[in-house]
């Protein structure tokens, strides 16, 4: 009688958490465990998603502009400086507000890298997700988009990859032609995405005289959105002092209407008449910055009028992230 051969089980490939795609909670986990995703790797994904980093861009050069490009500006790019320099074959790394087809990143045919900022991120730390995408883009084949995945929990953050002494100088564009070197000969799906994006873009201009302030044009009125680095409570007190004194505007017909909360920073918003351009608001914004600095320096208790003004500003605050 022939001897039975010992049966050996085929070894499953070893997958890291980052290699396991996100699926429906009740679907089988892609790791092959036989359990549902929510009871296996989905548990870790759900836990990671709840660990929200309140200020993901803190410590990066231009934190306020990172917030603006993530939440407020349709089309902009920034050349990034890596801490360890550019790898061989990568002539440049550029942060972009959004990329065609909502790609997280793209390695262009010439080897340069475009990194998208306005994508959904699978964890609560945008900085870590961006860093993981950037690292994979630097190693991708030229002409290849980089797909989304969950970043390893112990992976680097953008603060680890970027030169802390580097500049962060956004260039705001009127459209998304920066996506491709030759828009007229772009692939059909990219051309369609470009057309849709250009149609939806709101005209936006970055002010030159103050930091992190962006004028934008809408059909009925214009706005100024100004990302400010000060602690929220201190800033609201200062804005309330100015509002109660009738000094919170940016000129005739303008009005401070409220603020956004975005990634740990506060973004006051002004309504502007439709005739007021970005150039028109440069000088009033610089003058307001001086008034705000004086109000921020005050530690006197708020008056009754100032408390009412502060309550109004707080009630008109909207959280973006």
Protein backbone atom coordinates (compact mmCIF):
# COMPACT_ATOMS: atom_id res chain seq x y z
CA UNK A 1 0.00 0.00 0.00
CA UNK A 2 1.37 3.35 -1.03
CA UNK A 3 2.22 5.67 1.77
CA UNK A 4 0.07 8.75 2.11
CA UNK A 5 1.96 11.88 1.41
CA UNK A 6 1.80 14.41 4.18
CA UNK A 7 -0.52 17.24 3.19
CA UNK A 8 0.92 20.70 3.27
CA UNK A 9 -1.13 23.85 3.32
CA UNK A 10 -0.21 26.51 0.83
CA UNK A 11 1.24 29.48 2.58
CA UNK A 12 -0.75 32.62 2.29
CA UNK A 13 1.21 35.68 1.19
CA UNK A 14 2.08 37.87 4.13
CA UNK A 15 0.19 41.12 3.85
CA UNK A 16 0.79 44.25 5.84
CA UNK A 17 -2.11 46.32 7.10
CA UNK A 18 -1.42 48.91 4.42
CA UNK A 19 -1.78 46.25 1.67
CA UNK A 20 -5.30 45.25 2.73
CA UNK A 21 -7.96 47.22 0.85
CA UNK A 22 -11.03 48.68 2.54
CA UNK A 23 -14.23 46.72 1.81
CA UNK A 24 -17.77 46.62 3.20
CA UNK A 25 -18.09 45.92 6.91
CA UNK A 26 -19.96 42.63 6.36
CA UNK A 27 -17.79 41.38 3.49
CA UNK A 28 -15.03 38.77 4.01
CA UNK A 29 -11.77 40.40 5.08
CA UNK A 30 -9.34 40.56 2.13
CA UNK A 31 -6.56 39.21 4.38
CA UNK A 32 -8.05 35.72 3.99
CA UNK A 33 -8.81 35.13 7.66
CA UNK A 34 -12.36 34.01 6.91
CA UNK A 35 -13.82 36.63 9.23
CA UNK A 36 -15.90 39.60 8.24
CA UNK A 37 -13.97 42.76 7.59
CA UNK A 38 -15.54 44.63 10.52
CA UNK A 39 -14.36 41.91 12.93
CA UNK A 40 -10.87 41.70 11.44
CA UNK A 41 -8.82 44.46 9.82
CA UNK A 42 -11.86 46.75 9.68
CA UNK A 43 -11.67 47.06 13.44
CA UNK A 44 -8.21 48.62 13.22
CA UNK A 45 -9.30 50.83 10.32
CA UNK A 46 -12.30 52.12 12.28
CA UNK A 47 -10.09 52.78 15.31
CA UNK A 48 -7.54 54.66 13.19
CA UNK A 49 -10.27 56.73 11.59
CA UNK A 50 -11.43 57.98 14.99
CA UNK A 51 -7.94 59.14 16.02
CA UNK A 52 -8.32 62.57 14.50
CA UNK A 53 -5.27 64.82 14.47
CA UNK A 54 -6.76 68.25 15.08
CA UNK A 55 -3.91 70.20 13.47
CA UNK A 56 -2.40 67.87 10.85
CA UNK A 57 -0.31 70.63 9.26
CA UNK A 58 1.12 72.06 12.49
CA UNK A 59 4.88 72.46 12.24
CA UNK A 60 4.92 72.66 8.45
CA UNK A 61 6.02 75.88 6.75
CA UNK A 62 2.89 77.79 5.78
CA UNK A 63 0.39 75.93 7.97
CA UNK A 64 -2.36 78.45 7.18
CA UNK A 65 -1.84 78.07 3.44
CA UNK A 66 -1.97 74.27 3.78
CA UNK A 67 -5.39 74.68 5.39
CA UNK A 68 -6.55 77.12 2.70
CA UNK A 69 -5.43 74.85 -0.14
CA UNK A 70 -7.06 71.86 1.50
CA UNK A 71 -10.44 73.53 2.14
CA UNK A 72 -10.88 76.85 0.32
CA UNK A 73 -8.85 77.19 -2.88
CA UNK A 74 -9.95 75.37 -6.05
CA UNK A 75 -6.78 75.40 -8.14
CA UNK A 76 -3.28 75.99 -6.77
CA UNK A 77 0.17 74.42 -6.73
CA UNK A 78 3.21 74.64 -4.47
CA UNK A 79 6.72 73.39 -5.13
CA UNK A 80 7.80 71.23 -2.17
CA UNK A 81 11.33 70.91 -0.80
CA UNK A 82 12.16 67.47 0.59
CA UNK A 83 14.26 67.13 3.71
CA UNK A 84 16.64 64.65 2.03
CA UNK A 85 16.56 66.22 -1.42
CA UNK A 86 14.99 64.88 -4.60
CA UNK A 87 15.63 61.22 -5.50
CA UNK A 88 17.41 60.49 -8.76
CA UNK A 89 15.03 60.74 -11.69
CA UNK A 90 12.56 63.02 -9.86
CA UNK A 91 13.05 66.59 -11.12
CA UNK A 92 10.39 68.12 -8.85
CA UNK A 93 7.63 67.45 -6.32
CA UNK A 94 4.56 69.68 -6.53
CA UNK A 95 1.61 69.83 -4.17
CA UNK A 96 -1.68 70.44 -6.01
CA UNK A 97 -5.11 71.17 -4.60
CA UNK A 98 -6.67 68.40 -6.70
CA UNK A 99 -5.59 66.08 -9.52
CA UNK A 100 -7.49 64.61 -12.49
CA UNK A 101 -9.77 61.68 -11.67
CA UNK A 102 -9.21 62.61 -7.99
CA UNK A 103 -5.91 60.70 -8.04
CA UNK A 104 -4.02 60.96 -4.73
CA UNK A 105 -0.77 61.46 -6.66
CA UNK A 106 0.71 61.17 -10.15
CA UNK A 107 4.21 60.35 -11.35
CA UNK A 108 4.44 62.18 -14.65
CA UNK A 109 6.17 60.88 -17.75
CA UNK A 110 9.18 63.11 -17.03
CA UNK A 111 9.50 61.64 -13.52
CA UNK A 112 8.12 64.65 -11.65
CA UNK A 113 5.52 64.09 -8.93
CA UNK A 114 2.17 65.78 -8.37
CA UNK A 115 0.64 65.23 -4.93
CA UNK A 116 -3.10 65.89 -4.45
CA UNK A 117 -4.25 67.59 -1.24
CA UNK A 118 -8.05 67.62 -1.46
CA UNK A 119 -8.62 63.86 -1.41
CA UNK A 120 -10.54 61.83 1.14
CA UNK A 121 -8.09 60.24 3.55
CA UNK A 122 -8.63 56.84 5.19
CA UNK A 123 -7.25 57.79 8.60
CA UNK A 124 -7.60 60.68 11.00
CA UNK A 125 -4.14 62.03 10.17
CA UNK A 126 -4.05 63.78 6.80
CA UNK A 127 -0.32 64.42 7.16
CA UNK A 128 0.51 60.72 7.53
CA UNK A 129 -1.72 59.75 4.60
CA UNK A 130 -0.11 62.39 2.38
CA UNK A 131 3.38 61.26 3.36
CA UNK A 132 2.57 57.64 2.50
CA UNK A 133 1.16 58.69 -0.88
CA UNK A 134 4.21 60.86 -1.57
CA UNK A 135 6.66 58.08 -0.76
CA UNK A 136 4.86 55.69 -3.10
CA UNK A 137 4.71 58.33 -5.85
CA UNK A 138 8.48 58.86 -5.64
CA UNK A 139 8.95 55.14 -6.37
CA UNK A 140 6.17 54.74 -8.97
CA UNK A 141 6.90 54.20 -12.63
CA UNK A 142 6.77 57.39 -14.73
CA UNK A 143 3.34 57.97 -16.21
CA UNK A 144 1.61 56.19 -13.32
CA UNK A 145 -1.11 57.49 -10.97
CA UNK A 146 -0.91 56.43 -7.31
CA UNK A 147 -4.01 54.89 -5.76
CA UNK A 148 -5.32 55.49 -2.25
CA UNK A 149 -4.59 53.15 0.64
CA UNK A 150 -4.48 53.22 4.42
CA UNK A 151 -1.09 54.46 5.58
CA UNK A 152 0.86 52.34 8.08
CA UNK A 153 0.25 53.56 11.61
CA UNK A 154 3.98 53.94 12.20
CA UNK A 155 4.69 55.62 8.87
CA UNK A 156 6.24 59.09 8.52
CA UNK A 157 4.27 62.31 8.34
CA UNK A 158 4.82 65.23 5.98
CA UNK A 159 6.66 66.96 8.82
CA UNK A 160 9.24 64.16 8.57
CA UNK A 161 9.63 64.34 4.79
CA UNK A 162 9.68 68.08 4.09
CA UNK A 163 12.51 70.51 4.76
CA UNK A 164 11.43 72.53 7.84
CA UNK A 165 13.38 75.50 6.48
CA UNK A 166 11.81 75.26 3.03
CA UNK A 167 9.43 77.89 1.70
CA UNK A 168 5.75 77.30 1.02
CA UNK A 169 4.63 79.67 -1.72
CA UNK A 170 1.26 78.78 -3.28
CA UNK A 171 0.57 79.75 -6.88
CA UNK A 172 -3.17 80.16 -7.47
CA UNK A 173 -4.38 79.24 -10.96
CA UNK A 174 -7.54 80.23 -12.83
CA UNK A 175 -7.99 76.63 -14.01
CA UNK A 176 -6.45 73.18 -13.91
CA UNK A 177 -4.33 73.25 -17.05
CA UNK A 178 -1.29 72.58 -14.84
CA UNK A 179 -2.46 68.94 -14.75
CA UNK A 180 -1.00 68.16 -18.16
CA UNK A 181 1.82 69.70 -20.23
CA UNK A 182 -0.37 69.72 -23.37
CA UNK A 183 -4.08 69.99 -22.45
CA UNK A 184 -5.23 69.86 -26.07
CA UNK A 185 -3.74 66.38 -26.49
CA UNK A 186 -4.69 64.97 -23.10
CA UNK A 187 -6.28 61.53 -22.78
CA UNK A 188 -10.09 61.66 -23.18
CA UNK A 189 -10.83 60.86 -19.52
CA UNK A 190 -8.33 63.48 -18.33
CA UNK A 191 -9.70 66.06 -20.78
CA UNK A 192 -13.24 65.41 -19.52
CA UNK A 193 -12.11 65.72 -15.91
CA UNK A 194 -10.27 68.95 -16.76
CA UNK A 195 -13.37 70.43 -18.38
CA UNK A 196 -15.56 69.59 -15.38
CA UNK A 197 -13.03 70.97 -12.91
CA UNK A 198 -12.57 74.23 -14.81
CA UNK A 199 -16.35 74.73 -14.99
CA UNK A 200 -16.66 74.37 -11.20
CA UNK A 201 -13.65 76.48 -10.19
CA UNK A 202 -14.43 79.69 -8.28
CA UNK A 203 -12.11 82.59 -9.26
CA UNK A 204 -9.68 82.97 -6.36
CA UNK A 205 -6.72 85.29 -5.64
CA UNK A 206 -4.18 85.12 -2.81
CA UNK A 207 -3.55 88.51 -1.23
CA UNK A 208 0.04 89.70 -1.38
CA UNK A 209 0.09 92.07 1.62
CA UNK A 210 -1.03 89.68 4.38
CA UNK A 211 -0.51 85.98 5.01
CA UNK A 212 -3.01 83.24 4.16
CA UNK A 213 -5.85 85.50 2.96
CA UNK A 214 -7.79 84.54 -0.19
CA UNK A 215 -10.27 86.65 -2.13
CA UNK A 216 -12.87 84.76 -4.14
CA UNK A 217 -15.64 85.74 -6.55
CA UNK A 218 -19.14 84.27 -6.50
CA UNK A 219 -22.17 85.24 -8.61
CA UNK A 220 -23.89 87.40 -5.97
CA UNK A 221 -21.01 88.76 -3.86
CA UNK A 222 -17.31 88.36 -3.26
CA UNK A 223 -15.63 87.09 -0.13
CA UNK A 224 -12.36 87.24 1.76
CA UNK A 225 -11.37 84.10 3.68
CA UNK A 226 -8.39 84.58 5.95
CA UNK A 227 -6.76 81.63 7.75
CA UNK A 228 -5.35 82.91 11.04
CA UNK A 229 -2.78 81.19 13.28
CA UNK A 230 -3.99 82.50 16.65
CA UNK A 231 -5.68 80.42 19.38
CA UNK A 232 -9.40 80.34 18.68
CA UNK A 233 -10.65 81.84 21.96
CA UNK A 234 -8.14 84.68 21.85
CA UNK A 235 -8.96 85.41 18.21
CA UNK A 236 -12.72 85.43 18.81
CA UNK A 237 -12.26 87.87 21.69
CA UNK A 238 -10.20 90.16 19.48
CA UNK A 239 -12.68 89.98 16.60
CA UNK A 240 -15.52 90.72 19.04
CA UNK A 241 -13.71 93.83 20.33
CA UNK A 242 -13.31 95.11 16.78
CA UNK A 243 -16.85 94.17 15.76
CA UNK A 244 -18.40 95.94 18.74
CA UNK A 245 -16.33 99.05 17.96
CA UNK A 246 -17.41 99.02 14.30
CA UNK A 247 -13.85 98.33 13.15
CA UNK A 248 -14.14 94.78 11.88
CA UNK A 249 -14.92 95.65 8.26
CA UNK A 250 -12.62 95.96 5.28
CA UNK A 251 -14.12 99.11 3.83
CA UNK A 252 -17.51 100.43 2.77
CA UNK A 253 -20.10 97.74 2.16
CA UNK A 254 -17.98 94.94 3.65
CA UNK A 255 -18.96 92.85 6.64
CA UNK A 256 -17.38 90.24 8.89
CA UNK A 257 -20.02 87.50 8.70
CA UNK A 258 -18.51 84.63 10.69
CA UNK A 259 -15.75 82.08 10.50
CA UNK A 260 -14.81 78.54 9.62
CA UNK A 261 -12.98 76.06 11.80
CA UNK A 262 -10.58 74.05 9.68
CA UNK A 263 -7.82 71.67 10.80
CA UNK A 264 -7.34 73.40 14.13
CA UNK A 265 -7.29 76.96 12.80
CA UNK A 266 -9.94 79.67 12.56
CA UNK A 267 -10.84 81.29 9.23
CA UNK A 268 -12.75 84.60 9.50
CA UNK A 269 -14.91 85.37 6.46
CA UNK A 270 -15.97 88.76 5.10
CA UNK A 271 -18.69 89.51 2.58
CA UNK A 272 -17.56 92.01 -0.03
CA UNK A 273 -19.57 93.90 -2.67
CA UNK A 274 -19.28 92.27 -6.09
CA UNK A 275 -17.38 95.33 -7.35
CA UNK A 276 -14.59 94.89 -4.77
CA UNK A 277 -11.61 93.12 -6.35
CA UNK A 278 -8.63 91.44 -4.72
CA UNK A 279 -6.52 94.55 -5.40
CA UNK A 280 -9.16 96.74 -3.77
CA UNK A 281 -9.01 94.77 -0.51
CA UNK A 282 -5.20 94.65 -0.18
CA UNK A 283 -4.83 97.93 1.72
CA UNK A 284 -7.91 97.46 3.97
CA UNK A 285 -6.68 93.97 4.87
CA UNK A 286 -3.26 95.28 5.87
CA UNK A 287 -4.90 97.98 8.00
CA UNK A 288 -7.18 95.39 9.61
CA UNK A 289 -4.14 93.26 10.47
CA UNK A 290 -2.78 96.18 12.51
CA UNK A 291 -6.11 96.67 14.33
CA UNK A 292 -6.30 92.95 15.02
CA UNK A 293 -2.79 92.86 16.49
CA UNK A 294 -3.76 95.58 18.96
CA UNK A 295 -6.99 93.78 19.88
CA UNK A 296 -5.13 90.50 20.37
CA UNK A 297 -2.77 92.22 22.81
CA UNK A 298 -5.61 93.36 25.07
CA UNK A 299 -6.41 91.28 28.14
CA UNK A 300 -9.23 93.48 29.45
CA UNK A 301 -12.54 91.72 30.18
CA UNK A 302 -15.06 91.93 27.33
CA UNK A 303 -17.76 94.56 27.71
CA UNK A 304 -21.44 93.66 27.39
CA UNK A 305 -21.45 94.81 23.74
CA UNK A 306 -18.30 92.82 23.04
CA UNK A 307 -19.79 89.70 24.64
CA UNK A 308 -22.87 90.03 22.43
CA UNK A 309 -20.65 90.46 19.37
CA UNK A 310 -18.65 87.40 20.37
CA UNK A 311 -21.82 85.35 20.79
CA UNK A 312 -22.93 86.35 17.30
CA UNK A 313 -19.58 85.35 15.81
CA UNK A 314 -19.62 82.02 17.64
CA UNK A 315 -23.15 81.25 16.43
CA UNK A 316 -22.06 81.86 12.86
CA UNK A 317 -19.06 79.55 13.05
CA UNK A 318 -18.97 76.53 10.72
CA UNK A 319 -16.64 73.57 11.17
CA UNK A 320 -15.13 72.28 7.91
CA UNK A 321 -12.94 69.57 9.42
